[in-house]
Amino acid sequence: MRTPRLEKFVAAAQECLSKLILFGERSLRRALQQYVAHYHEERNHQGEQNRLLFPLPNRGASGENGIVRCKERLGGLLKYYEREAA
């Protein structure tokens, strides 16, 4: 039985993959790895009070100082923002 959270993840992954041209299993695996990393480490989740699920400890800077930069995955298909260390 699928859970609503899993169904959301699968639907979002399908939408992302539908915009890519994949050349075999290797490119599919790489795209899925990139998507999963983005989903868990870089994407805010509304159901979790707009927080990251598994933030990396050394990523970004704390506080209000530092320039905010746009980072990309999958050729710009997935974007996220990160504050540089001041």
Protein backbone atom coordinates (compact mmCIF):
# COMPACT_ATOMS: atom_id res chain seq x y z
CA MET A 1 0.00 0.00 0.00
CA ARG A 2 1.39 3.39 -0.98
CA THR A 3 1.51 6.29 1.41
CA PRO A 4 0.53 9.82 0.36
CA ARG A 5 4.11 11.01 0.95
CA LEU A 6 5.52 8.29 -1.32
CA GLU A 7 2.93 9.07 -3.99
CA LYS A 8 3.94 12.76 -3.92
CA PHE A 9 7.61 11.82 -4.26
CA VAL A 10 6.95 9.47 -7.18
CA ALA A 11 4.75 12.04 -8.96
CA ALA A 12 7.38 14.77 -8.52
CA ALA A 13 10.16 12.45 -9.72
CA GLN A 14 8.09 11.45 -12.77
CA GLU A 15 7.47 15.09 -13.62
CA CYS A 16 11.17 15.84 -13.36
CA LEU A 17 12.21 12.82 -15.44
CA SER A 18 9.62 13.59 -18.12
CA LYS A 19 11.61 16.72 -18.97
CA LEU A 20 14.86 14.83 -19.55
CA ILE A 21 16.18 12.87 -22.49
CA LEU A 22 17.71 9.73 -21.02
CA PHE A 23 20.16 7.45 -22.79
CA GLY A 24 19.87 4.11 -21.06
CA GLU A 25 19.84 2.84 -17.52
CA ARG A 26 23.04 4.64 -16.48
CA SER A 27 21.66 8.09 -17.27
CA LEU A 28 18.37 7.21 -15.56
CA ARG A 29 20.21 6.12 -12.40
CA ARG A 30 22.30 9.31 -12.39
CA ALA A 31 19.22 11.50 -12.83
CA LEU A 32 17.40 9.68 -10.02
CA GLN A 33 20.42 10.03 -7.71
CA GLN A 34 20.54 13.76 -8.41
CA TYR A 35 16.80 14.10 -7.83
CA VAL A 36 16.89 12.17 -4.54
CA ALA A 37 19.81 14.28 -3.27
CA HIS A 38 17.91 17.45 -4.19
CA TYR A 39 14.70 16.19 -2.59
CA HIS A 40 16.32 15.26 0.72
CA GLU A 41 19.12 17.81 1.10
CA GLU A 42 18.16 20.99 -0.78
CA ARG A 43 14.39 21.23 -1.14
CA ASN A 44 12.20 22.79 1.56
CA HIS A 45 9.20 20.69 2.59
CA GLN A 46 5.94 22.44 3.48
CA GLY A 47 4.71 19.49 5.55
CA GLU A 48 7.83 19.83 7.72
CA GLN A 49 7.39 23.55 8.48
CA ASN A 50 9.28 24.54 5.32
CA ARG A 51 12.54 22.93 6.50
CA LEU A 52 15.07 20.69 4.80
CA LEU A 53 14.62 17.00 5.64
CA PHE A 54 18.33 16.14 5.90
CA PRO A 55 20.43 19.32 5.72
CA LEU A 56 24.17 18.83 5.27
CA PRO A 57 26.03 20.26 8.30
CA ASN A 58 28.65 22.18 6.28
CA ARG A 59 26.24 23.60 3.71
CA GLY A 60 25.59 27.34 3.73
CA ALA A 61 26.16 29.85 6.47
CA SER A 62 24.12 30.61 9.50
CA GLY A 63 22.70 34.02 10.19
CA GLU A 64 21.70 36.83 7.87
CA ASN A 65 25.13 37.63 6.38
CA GLY A 66 26.51 36.31 3.13
CA ILE A 67 25.42 36.40 -0.49
CA VAL A 68 22.60 34.11 -1.57
CA ARG A 69 23.52 32.08 -4.65
CA CYS A 70 21.34 30.02 -6.94
CA LYS A 71 22.62 26.45 -7.38
CA GLU A 72 21.41 23.96 -9.98
CA ARG A 73 21.14 20.22 -10.60
CA LEU A 74 20.24 18.32 -13.75
CA GLY A 75 21.24 21.14 -16.07
CA GLY A 76 19.15 23.77 -14.30
CA LEU A 77 15.97 21.71 -14.06
CA LEU A 78 16.27 21.64 -10.25
CA LYS A 79 17.25 24.89 -8.55
CA TYR A 80 17.89 25.77 -4.94
CA TYR A 81 19.34 28.72 -3.06
CA GLU A 82 22.18 28.71 -0.61
CA ARG A 83 23.79 31.44 1.48
CA GLU A 84 27.57 31.71 1.12
CA ALA A 85 29.70 31.96 4.24
CA ALA A 86 30.33 35.59 5.16
